[in-house]
Amino acid sequence: MCTPLVHEILQICAGTGAPAEGKACHAHIIRAGLVADTLTSNMLINMCCKCGLLDCAGKVFDEMPERSLVSWYTMIGSLSRNGEEQEAL
């Protein structure tokens, strides 16, 4: 499980649209083996989508062992906002 600091960094990257920093945080999470929880995965998806990293978001989504409504809504909304309506369906 990730620490609140990691979650805060993901939120900052999402809010500022900082893809390089977001990718670095994502890499740290993977190296530390912390991706498994749903909350962290949802935050990663949100950060990736807000930074325009839809492929990254899709990969995190596909690798989630359990998805919540937040996971689905974030992916569907992000795909449709980025002109990927068919994929969103």
C-alpha atoms as a PDB file:
ATOM      1  CA  MET A   1       0.000   0.000   0.000  1.00  0.00           C
ATOM      2  CA  CYS A   2       1.261   3.460  -0.883  1.00  0.00           C
ATOM      3  CA  THR A   3       1.892   6.212   1.606  1.00  0.00           C
ATOM      4  CA  PRO A   4      -0.150   9.419   1.713  1.00  0.00           C
ATOM      5  CA  LEU A   5       2.918  11.249   0.371  1.00  0.00           C
ATOM      6  CA  VAL A   6       2.897   9.151  -2.822  1.00  0.00           C
ATOM      7  CA  HIS A   7      -0.827   9.839  -3.238  1.00  0.00           C
ATOM      8  CA  GLU A   8      -0.215  13.546  -2.760  1.00  0.00           C
ATOM      9  CA  ILE A   9       2.544  13.540  -5.392  1.00  0.00           C
ATOM     10  CA  LEU A  10       0.204  11.781  -7.858  1.00  0.00           C
ATOM     11  CA  GLN A  11      -2.479  14.402  -7.175  1.00  0.00           C
ATOM     12  CA  ILE A  12      -0.005  17.243  -7.751  1.00  0.00           C
ATOM     13  CA  CYS A  13       1.196  15.697 -11.016  1.00  0.00           C
ATOM     14  CA  ALA A  14      -2.412  15.261 -12.167  1.00  0.00           C
ATOM     15  CA  GLY A  15      -3.350  18.802 -11.161  1.00  0.00           C
ATOM     16  CA  THR A  16      -0.379  20.428 -12.857  1.00  0.00           C
ATOM     17  CA  GLY A  17      -0.220  18.139 -15.877  1.00  0.00           C
ATOM     18  CA  ALA A  18       3.373  17.081 -15.181  1.00  0.00           C
ATOM     19  CA  PRO A  19       3.877  13.861 -17.182  1.00  0.00           C
ATOM     20  CA  ALA A  20       7.629  13.456 -16.535  1.00  0.00           C
ATOM     21  CA  GLU A  21       7.197  13.713 -12.776  1.00  0.00           C
ATOM     22  CA  GLY A  22       4.126  11.478 -12.923  1.00  0.00           C
ATOM     23  CA  LYS A  23       6.041   8.817 -14.833  1.00  0.00           C
ATOM     24  CA  ALA A  24       8.865   9.010 -12.282  1.00  0.00           C
ATOM     25  CA  CYS A  25       6.401   8.534  -9.429  1.00  0.00           C
ATOM     26  CA  HIS A  26       4.784   5.633 -11.296  1.00  0.00           C
ATOM     27  CA  ALA A  27       8.204   4.002 -11.779  1.00  0.00           C
ATOM     28  CA  HIS A  28       8.921   4.382  -8.054  1.00  0.00           C
ATOM     29  CA  ILE A  29       5.602   2.744  -7.194  1.00  0.00           C
ATOM     30  CA  ILE A  30       6.340  -0.183  -9.511  1.00  0.00           C
ATOM     31  CA  ARG A  31       9.883  -0.665  -8.157  1.00  0.00           C
ATOM     32  CA  ALA A  32       8.518  -0.648  -4.625  1.00  0.00           C
ATOM     33  CA  GLY A  33       5.788  -3.154  -5.560  1.00  0.00           C
ATOM     34  CA  LEU A  34       2.981  -0.849  -4.430  1.00  0.00           C
ATOM     35  CA  VAL A  35       0.607  -0.897  -7.428  1.00  0.00           C
ATOM     36  CA  ALA A  36      -1.697  -3.660  -6.186  1.00  0.00           C
ATOM     37  CA  ASP A  37      -4.202  -1.569  -4.203  1.00  0.00           C
ATOM     38  CA  THR A  38      -7.226  -0.118  -6.001  1.00  0.00           C
ATOM     39  CA  LEU A  39      -6.863   3.413  -4.609  1.00  0.00           C
ATOM     40  CA  THR A  40      -3.301   3.808  -5.862  1.00  0.00           C
ATOM     41  CA  SER A  41      -4.183   2.315  -9.250  1.00  0.00           C
ATOM     42  CA  ASN A  42      -7.116   4.728  -9.582  1.00  0.00           C
ATOM     43  CA  MET A  43      -4.848   7.638  -8.707  1.00  0.00           C
ATOM     44  CA  LEU A  44      -2.311   6.462 -11.290  1.00  0.00           C
ATOM     45  CA  ILE A  45      -5.039   6.211 -13.950  1.00  0.00           C
ATOM     46  CA  ASN A  46      -6.267   9.710 -13.099  1.00  0.00           C
ATOM     47  CA  MET A  47      -2.748  11.158 -13.210  1.00  0.00           C
ATOM     48  CA  CYS A  48      -1.940   9.454 -16.518  1.00  0.00           C
ATOM     49  CA  CYS A  49      -5.185  10.636 -18.102  1.00  0.00           C
ATOM     50  CA  LYS A  50      -4.777  14.234 -16.935  1.00  0.00           C
ATOM     51  CA  CYS A  51      -1.199  14.257 -18.254  1.00  0.00           C
ATOM     52  CA  GLY A  52      -2.316  12.913 -21.641  1.00  0.00           C
ATOM     53  CA  LEU A  53      -0.721   9.496 -21.099  1.00  0.00           C
ATOM     54  CA  LEU A  54      -3.711   7.411 -22.201  1.00  0.00           C
ATOM     55  CA  ASP A  55      -1.597   4.363 -23.099  1.00  0.00           C
ATOM     56  CA  CYS A  56      -0.126   4.365 -19.602  1.00  0.00           C
ATOM     57  CA  ALA A  57      -3.587   4.726 -18.059  1.00  0.00           C
ATOM     58  CA  GLY A  58      -4.879   1.836 -20.162  1.00  0.00           C
ATOM     59  CA  LYS A  59      -1.990  -0.370 -19.072  1.00  0.00           C
ATOM     60  CA  VAL A  60      -2.581   0.374 -15.374  1.00  0.00           C
ATOM     61  CA  PHE A  61      -6.316  -0.253 -15.885  1.00  0.00           C
ATOM     62  CA  ASP A  62      -5.718  -3.549 -17.699  1.00  0.00           C
ATOM     63  CA  GLU A  63      -3.347  -4.788 -14.992  1.00  0.00           C
ATOM     64  CA  MET A  64      -5.640  -3.963 -12.064  1.00  0.00           C
ATOM     65  CA  PRO A  65      -6.683  -7.130 -10.206  1.00  0.00           C
ATOM     66  CA  GLU A  66      -9.915  -5.418  -9.127  1.00  0.00           C
ATOM     67  CA  ARG A  67     -11.566  -2.358 -10.686  1.00  0.00           C
ATOM     68  CA  SER A  68     -13.981   0.000  -8.981  1.00  0.00           C
ATOM     69  CA  LEU A  69     -16.585   2.340 -10.465  1.00  0.00           C
ATOM     70  CA  VAL A  70     -13.985   5.109 -10.162  1.00  0.00           C
ATOM     71  CA  SER A  71     -11.614   3.078 -12.364  1.00  0.00           C
ATOM     72  CA  TRP A  72     -14.251   2.613 -15.061  1.00  0.00           C
ATOM     73  CA  TYR A  73     -15.567   6.196 -14.961  1.00  0.00           C
ATOM     74  CA  THR A  74     -12.065   7.681 -15.097  1.00  0.00           C
ATOM     75  CA  MET A  75     -11.077   5.597 -18.129  1.00  0.00           C
ATOM     76  CA  ILE A  76     -14.366   6.081 -20.003  1.00  0.00           C
ATOM     77  CA  GLY A  77     -14.433   9.835 -19.351  1.00  0.00           C
ATOM     78  CA  SER A  78     -10.800  10.330 -20.293  1.00  0.00           C
ATOM     79  CA  LEU A  79     -11.090   8.335 -23.502  1.00  0.00           C
ATOM     80  CA  SER A  80     -14.184  10.231 -24.601  1.00  0.00           C
ATOM     81  CA  ARG A  81     -12.619  13.639 -23.764  1.00  0.00           C
ATOM     82  CA  ASN A  82      -9.583  12.738 -25.857  1.00  0.00           C
ATOM     83  CA  GLY A  83     -11.492  11.782 -29.007  1.00  0.00           C
ATOM     84  CA  GLU A  84     -11.457   8.030 -28.367  1.00  0.00           C
ATOM     85  CA  GLU A  85     -15.240   7.633 -28.223  1.00  0.00           C
ATOM     86  CA  GLN A  86     -15.254   4.187 -29.832  1.00  0.00           C
ATOM     87  CA  GLU A  87     -12.698   2.879 -27.326  1.00  0.00           C
ATOM     88  CA  ALA A  88     -14.729   4.426 -24.486  1.00  0.00           C
ATOM     89  CA  LEU A  89     -17.763   2.426 -25.591  1.00  0.00           C
END
